[in-house]
């Protein structure tokens, strides 16, 4: 191959890589990435995150919540949990207090993710 072809192949691979990372990061959102960085560092933080919520009882009452990194991860966990449990699950974007990567308190449910 000539050097020009190799150069254009490398440029094409770079563009594909940048497109993939932009698409992947778009799912999380800018605000969530800032919270995600603080969560990974182990600091206490309050902000918007994606959470898998588990409800029991009649009327439904929140019993458990789990921090997830993305919408797709939450939906996969929800599907798996529904197949193995009789509880009601939903993925939500929530305003929560997070300590060392775990949701300590859900302050407000902002949006249900379908």
Protein backbone atom coordinates (compact mmCIF):
# COMPACT_ATOMS: atom_id res chain seq x y z
CA UNK A 1 0.00 0.00 0.00
CA UNK A 2 1.11 3.47 -0.62
CA UNK A 3 1.71 5.91 2.21
CA UNK A 4 -1.29 7.99 1.13
CA UNK A 5 -3.69 5.03 1.46
CA UNK A 6 -2.31 4.17 4.89
CA UNK A 7 -2.70 7.80 5.95
CA UNK A 8 -6.36 7.91 4.86
CA UNK A 9 -7.10 4.55 6.54
CA UNK A 10 -5.64 5.87 9.79
CA UNK A 11 -7.70 9.07 9.47
CA UNK A 12 -10.83 6.97 8.83
CA UNK A 13 -10.17 4.79 11.88
CA UNK A 14 -9.65 7.89 14.01
CA UNK A 15 -12.96 9.40 12.82
CA UNK A 16 -14.77 6.13 13.61
CA UNK A 17 -13.22 6.06 17.08
CA UNK A 18 -14.21 9.68 17.78
CA UNK A 19 -17.75 8.99 16.54
CA UNK A 20 -18.05 5.93 18.79
CA UNK A 21 -16.86 7.79 21.89
CA UNK A 22 -19.14 10.75 21.14
CA UNK A 23 -22.14 8.41 20.80
CA UNK A 24 -21.26 6.52 23.99
CA UNK A 25 -20.74 9.72 26.01
CA UNK A 26 -23.93 11.29 24.65
CA UNK A 27 -25.98 8.66 26.50
CA UNK A 28 -24.63 9.75 29.89
CA UNK A 29 -24.82 13.51 29.40
CA UNK A 30 -22.48 16.25 30.52
CA UNK A 31 -24.06 16.76 33.94
CA UNK A 32 -23.98 13.07 34.73
CA UNK A 33 -20.33 12.75 33.72
CA UNK A 34 -19.34 15.34 36.32
CA UNK A 35 -21.21 13.36 38.97
CA UNK A 36 -19.70 10.14 37.63
CA UNK A 37 -16.16 11.49 38.01
CA UNK A 38 -16.82 12.48 41.63
CA UNK A 39 -18.44 9.10 42.34
CA UNK A 40 -15.42 7.24 40.98
CA UNK A 41 -13.11 9.36 43.09
CA UNK A 42 -15.00 8.25 46.22
CA UNK A 43 -16.21 11.68 47.26
CA UNK A 44 -19.61 12.56 48.65
CA UNK A 45 -21.78 14.16 46.00
CA UNK A 46 -25.36 15.12 45.27
CA UNK A 47 -26.59 15.17 41.68
CA UNK A 48 -28.49 13.54 38.84
CA UNK A 49 -27.72 9.87 38.17
CA UNK A 50 -29.39 6.87 36.57
CA UNK A 51 -30.70 4.38 39.14
CA UNK A 52 -32.44 1.02 39.12
CA UNK A 53 -35.32 1.28 41.59
CA UNK A 54 -36.97 -1.76 43.26
CA UNK A 55 -40.48 -1.49 44.72
CA UNK A 56 -42.39 -3.93 46.97
CA UNK A 57 -45.74 -4.05 48.71
CA UNK A 58 -49.22 -2.74 48.19
CA UNK A 59 -49.11 0.21 47.66
CA UNK A 60 -45.70 0.06 46.02
CA UNK A 61 -42.94 1.31 48.30
CA UNK A 62 -39.31 1.94 47.35
CA UNK A 63 -37.11 -0.69 49.01
CA UNK A 64 -33.81 -0.64 47.10
CA UNK A 65 -31.93 1.54 44.63
CA UNK A 66 -28.78 0.88 42.64
CA UNK A 67 -26.48 3.40 40.93
CA UNK A 68 -25.85 2.56 37.26
CA UNK A 69 -23.42 4.17 34.84
CA UNK A 70 -25.78 4.45 31.87
CA UNK A 71 -29.34 4.02 30.64
CA UNK A 72 -28.51 0.87 28.71
CA UNK A 73 -26.84 -0.75 31.73
CA UNK A 74 -29.87 0.08 33.88
CA UNK A 75 -32.30 -1.37 31.34
CA UNK A 76 -30.24 -4.58 31.08
CA UNK A 77 -30.17 -4.96 34.88
CA UNK A 78 -33.93 -4.26 35.04
CA UNK A 79 -34.72 -6.94 32.47
CA UNK A 80 -32.55 -9.48 34.30
CA UNK A 81 -34.07 -8.60 37.69
CA UNK A 82 -37.65 -8.87 36.40
CA UNK A 83 -36.92 -12.35 35.09
CA UNK A 84 -35.63 -13.49 38.49
CA UNK A 85 -37.88 -11.66 40.96
CA UNK A 86 -41.49 -10.77 41.66
CA UNK A 87 -40.70 -7.18 42.66
CA UNK A 88 -41.53 -4.15 40.49
CA UNK A 89 -38.47 -2.48 38.91
CA UNK A 90 -37.98 0.73 36.98
CA UNK A 91 -35.04 2.73 35.70
CA UNK A 92 -35.12 6.40 36.60
CA UNK A 93 -33.07 9.54 36.35
CA UNK A 94 -32.95 10.72 39.95
CA UNK A 95 -31.46 13.46 42.04
CA UNK A 96 -29.61 11.53 44.75
CA UNK A 97 -26.99 11.72 47.47
CA UNK A 98 -24.07 9.43 46.62
CA UNK A 99 -21.30 8.29 48.96
CA UNK A 100 -18.44 6.09 47.73
CA UNK A 101 -20.27 5.03 44.57
CA UNK A 102 -23.52 4.06 46.32
CA UNK A 103 -26.83 5.89 46.44
CA UNK A 104 -27.50 6.77 50.06
CA UNK A 105 -30.70 8.77 49.57
CA UNK A 106 -32.99 9.44 46.61
CA UNK A 107 -34.00 13.08 46.88
CA UNK A 108 -36.24 13.34 43.83
CA UNK A 109 -37.24 11.15 40.87
CA UNK A 110 -36.85 13.27 37.73
CA UNK A 111 -37.66 10.95 34.82
CA UNK A 112 -38.65 7.33 34.26
CA UNK A 113 -36.57 5.65 31.55
CA UNK A 114 -38.41 3.29 29.22
